[in-house]
C-alpha atoms as a PDB file:
ATOM      1  CA  MET A   1       9.986 151.597  25.717  1.00  0.00           C
ATOM      2  CA  LYS A   2      11.659 155.104  26.322  1.00  0.00           C
ATOM      3  CA  LYS A   3      14.897 153.405  27.043  1.00  0.00           C
ATOM      4  CA  LEU A   4      14.729 151.169  23.851  1.00  0.00           C
ATOM      5  CA  PHE A   5      13.969 154.482  21.896  1.00  0.00           C
ATOM      6  CA  MET A   6      16.964 156.153  23.595  1.00  0.00           C
ATOM      7  CA  ALA A   7      19.359 153.219  22.890  1.00  0.00           C
ATOM      8  CA  PHE A   8      18.256 153.137  19.218  1.00  0.00           C
ATOM      9  CA  ALA A   9      18.780 156.930  18.911  1.00  0.00           C
ATOM     10  CA  ALA A  10      22.390 156.586  20.522  1.00  0.00           C
ATOM     11  CA  LEU A  11      23.111 153.697  18.036  1.00  0.00           C
ATOM     12  CA  VAL A  12      22.076 155.702  14.986  1.00  0.00           C
ATOM     13  CA  LEU A  13      24.075 158.629  16.243  1.00  0.00           C
ATOM     14  CA  SER A  14      27.258 156.612  16.888  1.00  0.00           C
ATOM     15  CA  VAL A  15      26.995 154.985  13.431  1.00  0.00           C
ATOM     16  CA  SER A  16      26.586 158.405  11.672  1.00  0.00           C
ATOM     17  CA  LEU A  17      29.580 159.808  13.545  1.00  0.00           C
ATOM     18  CA  PHE A  18      31.783 156.806  12.751  1.00  0.00           C
ATOM     19  CA  GLN A  19      31.035 157.226   9.078  1.00  0.00           C
ATOM     20  CA  ALA A  20      31.964 160.978   9.195  1.00  0.00           C
ATOM     21  CA  VAL A  21      35.563 160.022  10.263  1.00  0.00           C
ATOM     22  CA  ASP A  22      35.788 157.389   7.637  1.00  0.00           C
ATOM     23  CA  ALA A  23      38.851 157.366   5.263  1.00  0.00           C
ATOM     24  CA  LYS A  24      39.430 156.141   1.712  1.00  0.00           C
ATOM     25  CA  THR A  25      41.913 153.395   1.104  1.00  0.00           C
ATOM     26  CA  VAL A  26      43.289 153.706  -2.371  1.00  0.00           C
ATOM     27  CA  GLN A  27      45.604 151.396  -4.291  1.00  0.00           C
ATOM     28  CA  VAL A  28      48.491 153.186  -6.157  1.00  0.00           C
ATOM     29  CA  THR A  29      51.411 151.825  -8.060  1.00  0.00           C
ATOM     30  CA  ALA A  30      55.089 152.955  -7.319  1.00  0.00           C
ATOM     31  CA  LEU A  31      56.892 154.504 -10.288  1.00  0.00           C
ATOM     32  CA  GLU A  32      60.313 153.958  -8.703  1.00  0.00           C
ATOM     33  CA  ASP A  33      61.839 151.571  -6.037  1.00  0.00           C
ATOM     34  CA  PHE A  34      61.981 152.872  -2.410  1.00  0.00           C
ATOM     35  CA  GLN A  35      62.157 151.663   1.294  1.00  0.00           C
ATOM     36  CA  THR A  36      59.063 152.395   3.370  1.00  0.00           C
ATOM     37  CA  ALA A  37      61.156 152.885   6.482  1.00  0.00           C
ATOM     38  CA  ASN A  38      63.491 155.355   4.717  1.00  0.00           C
ATOM     39  CA  PRO A  39      61.436 156.763   1.693  1.00  0.00           C
ATOM     40  CA  PRO A  40      62.710 159.453  -0.726  1.00  0.00           C
ATOM     41  CA  GLU A  41      61.621 163.199  -0.069  1.00  0.00           C
ATOM     42  CA  VAL A  42      59.742 163.120  -3.283  1.00  0.00           C
ATOM     43  CA  LEU A  43      57.593 160.102  -4.461  1.00  0.00           C
ATOM     44  CA  HIS A  44      55.954 159.383  -7.800  1.00  0.00           C
ATOM     45  CA  VAL A  45      52.853 157.138  -7.915  1.00  0.00           C
ATOM     46  CA  GLN A  46      50.214 156.152 -10.478  1.00  0.00           C
ATOM     47  CA  MET A  47      46.471 155.992  -9.384  1.00  0.00           C
ATOM     48  CA  ASN A  48      44.949 152.505  -9.739  1.00  0.00           C
ATOM     49  CA  ALA A  49      41.348 153.813  -9.191  1.00  0.00           C
ATOM     50  CA  ASN A  50      39.416 156.963  -9.529  1.00  0.00           C
ATOM     51  CA  THR A  51      39.679 158.970  -6.307  1.00  0.00           C
ATOM     52  CA  ARG A  52      37.830 162.067  -5.414  1.00  0.00           C
ATOM     53  CA  LEU A  53      39.791 164.032  -2.915  1.00  0.00           C
ATOM     54  CA  ASP A  54      37.199 166.970  -2.599  1.00  0.00           C
ATOM     55  CA  TYR A  55      34.470 168.441  -4.536  1.00  0.00           C
ATOM     56  CA  ASP A  56      36.994 170.145  -6.978  1.00  0.00           C
ATOM     57  CA  LEU A  57      39.691 167.577  -7.336  1.00  0.00           C
ATOM     58  CA  MET A  58      39.273 163.969  -8.862  1.00  0.00           C
ATOM     59  CA  LEU A  59      42.276 161.877  -9.561  1.00  0.00           C
ATOM     60  CA  PHE A  60      41.401 159.375 -12.257  1.00  0.00           C
ATOM     61  CA  GLN A  61      42.907 155.931 -12.625  1.00  0.00           C
ATOM     62  CA  GLY A  62      46.178 156.327 -14.639  1.00  0.00           C
ATOM     63  CA  PHE A  63      46.997 159.830 -13.375  1.00  0.00           C
ATOM     64  CA  GLN A  64      50.604 160.115 -12.210  1.00  0.00           C
ATOM     65  CA  VAL A  65      50.859 161.949  -8.899  1.00  0.00           C
ATOM     66  CA  THR A  66      54.029 163.488  -7.382  1.00  0.00           C
ATOM     67  CA  GLY A  67      54.097 164.242  -3.787  1.00  0.00           C
ATOM     68  CA  LYS A  68      56.289 165.189  -0.736  1.00  0.00           C
ATOM     69  CA  VAL A  69      56.946 162.416   1.799  1.00  0.00           C
ATOM     70  CA  VAL A  70      57.071 162.927   5.521  1.00  0.00           C
ATOM     71  CA  ARG A  71      58.507 160.059   7.706  1.00  0.00           C
ATOM     72  CA  GLN A  72      56.255 158.876  10.269  1.00  0.00           C
ATOM     73  CA  GLY A  73      57.408 156.020  12.686  1.00  0.00           C
ATOM     74  CA  GLU A  74      57.805 152.834  10.457  1.00  0.00           C
ATOM     75  CA  GLY A  75      55.873 154.409   7.615  1.00  0.00           C
ATOM     76  CA  PHE A  76      55.419 157.651   6.022  1.00  0.00           C
ATOM     77  CA  VAL A  77      52.807 160.406   5.068  1.00  0.00           C
ATOM     78  CA  PHE A  78      52.398 161.143   1.283  1.00  0.00           C
ATOM     79  CA  LEU A  79      51.330 164.788   0.540  1.00  0.00           C
ATOM     80  CA  PRO A  80      50.270 165.064  -3.196  1.00  0.00           C
ATOM     81  CA  ALA A  81      51.703 168.171  -4.894  1.00  0.00           C
ATOM     82  CA  THR A  82      51.241 167.807  -8.497  1.00  0.00           C
ATOM     83  CA  TYR A  83      49.594 165.362 -11.106  1.00  0.00           C
ATOM     84  CA  VAL A  84      49.820 164.642 -14.789  1.00  0.00           C
ATOM     85  CA  ASN A  85      46.512 164.168 -16.536  1.00  0.00           C
ATOM     86  CA  TYR A  86      45.722 162.255 -19.689  1.00  0.00           C
ATOM     87  CA  GLN A  87      46.741 165.288 -21.877  1.00  0.00           C
ATOM     88  CA  GLU A  88      50.169 165.124 -20.209  1.00  0.00           C
ATOM     89  CA  GLU A  89      49.614 168.433 -18.464  1.00  0.00           C
ATOM     90  CA  LYS A  90      51.272 168.805 -15.140  1.00  0.00           C
ATOM     91  CA  LEU A  91      48.761 170.537 -12.789  1.00  0.00           C
ATOM     92  CA  PRO A  92      49.248 171.569  -9.149  1.00  0.00           C
ATOM     93  CA  ILE A  93      47.394 170.490  -6.193  1.00  0.00           C
ATOM     94  CA  TYR A  94      46.763 173.562  -3.896  1.00  0.00           C
ATOM     95  CA  LYS A  95      45.169 171.816  -0.910  1.00  0.00           C
ATOM     96  CA  GLU A  96      46.860 169.348   1.383  1.00  0.00           C
ATOM     97  CA  PHE A  97      45.496 165.791   1.302  1.00  0.00           C
ATOM     98  CA  PRO A  98      47.739 163.825   3.529  1.00  0.00           C
ATOM     99  CA  ALA A  99      47.790 160.091   2.714  1.00  0.00           C
ATOM    100  CA  VAL A 100      49.170 157.526   5.241  1.00  0.00           C
ATOM    101  CA  TYR A 101      51.051 154.505   4.036  1.00  0.00           C
ATOM    102  CA  LYS A 102      49.201 151.231   4.943  1.00  0.00           C
ATOM    103  CA  GLY A 103      51.209 148.142   4.771  1.00  0.00           C
ATOM    104  CA  LYS A 104      54.286 146.268   5.956  1.00  0.00           C
ATOM    105  CA  SER A 105      57.612 148.052   6.159  1.00  0.00           C
ATOM    106  CA  GLY A 106      60.069 146.983   3.478  1.00  0.00           C
ATOM    107  CA  LEU A 107      61.025 147.467  -0.096  1.00  0.00           C
ATOM    108  CA  ILE A 108      58.459 148.528  -2.593  1.00  0.00           C
ATOM    109  CA  ARG A 109      59.574 147.913  -6.142  1.00  0.00           C
ATOM    110  CA  GLN A 110      58.769 150.000  -9.299  1.00  0.00           C
ATOM    111  CA  ASN A 111      55.318 148.952 -10.632  1.00  0.00           C
ATOM    112  CA  GLN A 112      54.379 147.347  -7.340  1.00  0.00           C
ATOM    113  CA  PRO A 113      51.022 148.308  -5.939  1.00  0.00           C
ATOM    114  CA  PHE A 114      50.459 149.543  -2.345  1.00  0.00           C
ATOM    115  CA  LEU A 115      47.965 151.269  -0.312  1.00  0.00           C
ATOM    116  CA  LEU A 116      47.458 154.942   0.748  1.00  0.00           C
ATOM    117  CA  VAL A 117      44.757 156.039   3.146  1.00  0.00           C
ATOM    118  CA  PHE A 118      43.428 159.480   2.237  1.00  0.00           C
ATOM    119  CA  PRO A 119      41.131 161.405   4.600  1.00  0.00           C
ATOM    120  CA  ASP A 120      37.412 161.360   3.615  1.00  0.00           C
ATOM    121  CA  ASN A 121      36.644 164.783   2.406  1.00  0.00           C
ATOM    122  CA  GLY A 122      33.195 164.387   1.277  1.00  0.00           C
ATOM    123  CA  PRO A 123      30.887 162.038  -0.709  1.00  0.00           C
ATOM    124  CA  ASP A 124      32.101 160.260  -3.867  1.00  0.00           C
ATOM    125  CA  THR A 125      28.876 160.755  -5.720  1.00  0.00           C
ATOM    126  CA  PHE A 126      27.803 163.939  -7.172  1.00  0.00           C
ATOM    127  CA  GLN A 127      24.816 164.748  -9.336  1.00  0.00           C
ATOM    128  CA  TYR A 128      25.672 166.723 -12.409  1.00  0.00           C
ATOM    129  CA  TYR A 129      23.277 168.905 -14.445  1.00  0.00           C
ATOM    130  CA  VAL A 130      22.952 167.845 -18.077  1.00  0.00           C
ATOM    131  CA  PRO A 131      21.151 170.522 -20.108  1.00  0.00           C
ATOM    132  CA  SER A 132      18.298 169.300 -22.227  1.00  0.00           C
ATOM    133  CA  VAL A 133      17.153 170.584 -25.713  1.00  0.00           C
ATOM    134  CA  SER A 134      14.534 172.817 -24.036  1.00  0.00           C
ATOM    135  CA  ASP A 135      17.266 174.625 -22.135  1.00  0.00           C
ATOM    136  CA  MET A 136      18.925 175.684 -25.310  1.00  0.00           C
ATOM    137  CA  ASN A 137      16.037 177.510 -26.741  1.00  0.00           C
END
């Protein structure tokens, strides 16, 4: 019985550790043509889904993101630097959120979706406080 309990505890611990290093795979759309084996130094993409990078930064679907590109073997790493929100304000991204290209090497055309893998920097769900009428009195 003790061995069974220890095996169960080890399984729960390994699953929790595996989830901590999980990553977020996000679909984005290219805003210009580029080769994945020889990408440009700066890349412009549009977010195809809401993506929370950390507690303070959420990139919503439709936001245009500009970032630096670092070549890595057959692919590249995308480092978001700025984004344009719905009010067409260009805002900086102060922290580094390296996203690795996921897919086949080749030509990515303008308006073609592709995948970026962002590191998991925390939960995607947050509870927000909504004041009630009694709080305002």
